[in-house]
Amino acid sequence: MTEAKLHMVFGGRVRDPQTLEFTDLDKLDIVGMFADYATAEEAWRAAAQKTVDDAEMKYVVVHLHKLLQPQD
């Protein structure tokens, strides 16, 4: 059995689409937590597609397993 590599997908409005400076942290859209990158990427694509025409909306995949166990 392989160890889960925890990922989180979230998004929100950003000041500049080339940055990760979210403008209103209270309004972040937390898509969910996922046990592998492939599932997280699928969720990210679905969420991002819903706002594809809004340049100020950005969704990201965060590799939580790297934050929780940086030595790995």
Protein backbone atom coordinates (compact mmCIF):
# COMPACT_ATOMS: atom_id res chain seq x y z
CA MET A 1 0.00 0.00 0.00
CA THR A 2 1.44 3.37 -0.98
CA GLU A 3 1.35 6.33 1.36
CA ALA A 4 -1.18 9.06 0.52
CA LYS A 5 0.30 12.30 -0.79
CA LEU A 6 -2.17 14.87 0.53
CA HIS A 7 -3.13 17.76 -1.79
CA MET A 8 -5.53 20.66 -1.36
CA VAL A 9 -7.29 22.53 -4.17
CA PHE A 10 -8.60 26.05 -3.62
CA GLY A 11 -9.12 29.25 -5.52
CA GLY A 12 -10.25 32.82 -5.35
CA ARG A 13 -9.94 36.28 -6.77
CA VAL A 14 -6.36 37.59 -7.24
CA ARG A 15 -5.05 41.15 -7.74
CA ASP A 16 -2.86 40.09 -10.66
CA PRO A 17 -3.37 36.80 -12.55
CA GLN A 18 0.40 36.27 -12.60
CA THR A 19 0.62 36.16 -8.80
CA LEU A 20 -0.92 34.29 -5.89
CA GLU A 21 -2.00 37.42 -4.01
CA PHE A 22 -5.61 36.61 -3.15
CA THR A 23 -7.75 39.70 -2.52
CA ASP A 24 -10.34 38.33 -0.06
CA LEU A 25 -9.30 35.35 2.03
CA ASP A 26 -12.79 35.10 3.53
CA LYS A 27 -14.17 34.26 0.09
CA LEU A 28 -11.70 31.53 -0.93
CA ASP A 29 -13.34 28.54 -2.61
CA ILE A 30 -11.98 25.44 -0.87
CA VAL A 31 -12.57 22.69 -3.45
CA GLY A 32 -11.24 19.90 -1.24
CA MET A 33 -8.48 17.62 -0.03
CA PHE A 34 -7.22 14.77 -2.18
CA ALA A 35 -5.01 11.74 -1.53
CA ASP A 36 -3.12 11.92 -4.83
CA TYR A 37 -2.07 14.49 -7.39
CA ALA A 38 -4.10 13.02 -10.27
CA THR A 39 -7.37 13.41 -8.36
CA ALA A 40 -6.40 16.88 -7.17
CA GLU A 41 -5.52 17.93 -10.72
CA GLU A 42 -8.88 16.66 -11.98
CA ALA A 43 -10.69 18.73 -9.31
CA TRP A 44 -8.51 21.77 -10.11
CA ARG A 45 -9.31 21.54 -13.83
CA ALA A 46 -13.05 21.28 -13.14
CA ALA A 47 -13.02 24.28 -10.77
CA ALA A 48 -10.82 26.41 -13.03
CA GLN A 49 -12.95 25.62 -16.08
CA LYS A 50 -16.01 27.13 -14.37
CA THR A 51 -14.24 30.52 -14.18
CA VAL A 52 -12.20 30.33 -17.39
CA ASP A 53 -13.54 33.70 -18.62
CA ASP A 54 -12.67 35.53 -15.38
CA ALA A 55 -8.97 36.45 -15.46
CA GLU A 56 -9.03 37.49 -11.79
CA MET A 57 -10.07 34.03 -10.56
CA LYS A 58 -7.30 31.53 -9.93
CA TYR A 59 -7.30 27.95 -8.63
CA VAL A 60 -4.22 26.15 -7.30
CA VAL A 61 -3.12 22.72 -6.14
CA VAL A 62 -1.12 22.78 -2.90
CA HIS A 63 1.15 19.81 -2.15
CA LEU A 64 0.33 19.56 1.56
CA HIS A 65 2.44 16.43 1.98
CA LYS A 66 5.52 18.55 1.20
CA LEU A 67 4.60 21.04 3.93
CA LEU A 68 3.79 18.35 6.48
CA GLN A 69 6.93 16.27 5.80
CA PRO A 70 9.50 18.53 4.09
CA GLN A 71 12.30 15.98 4.51
CA ASP A 72 10.59 13.53 2.11
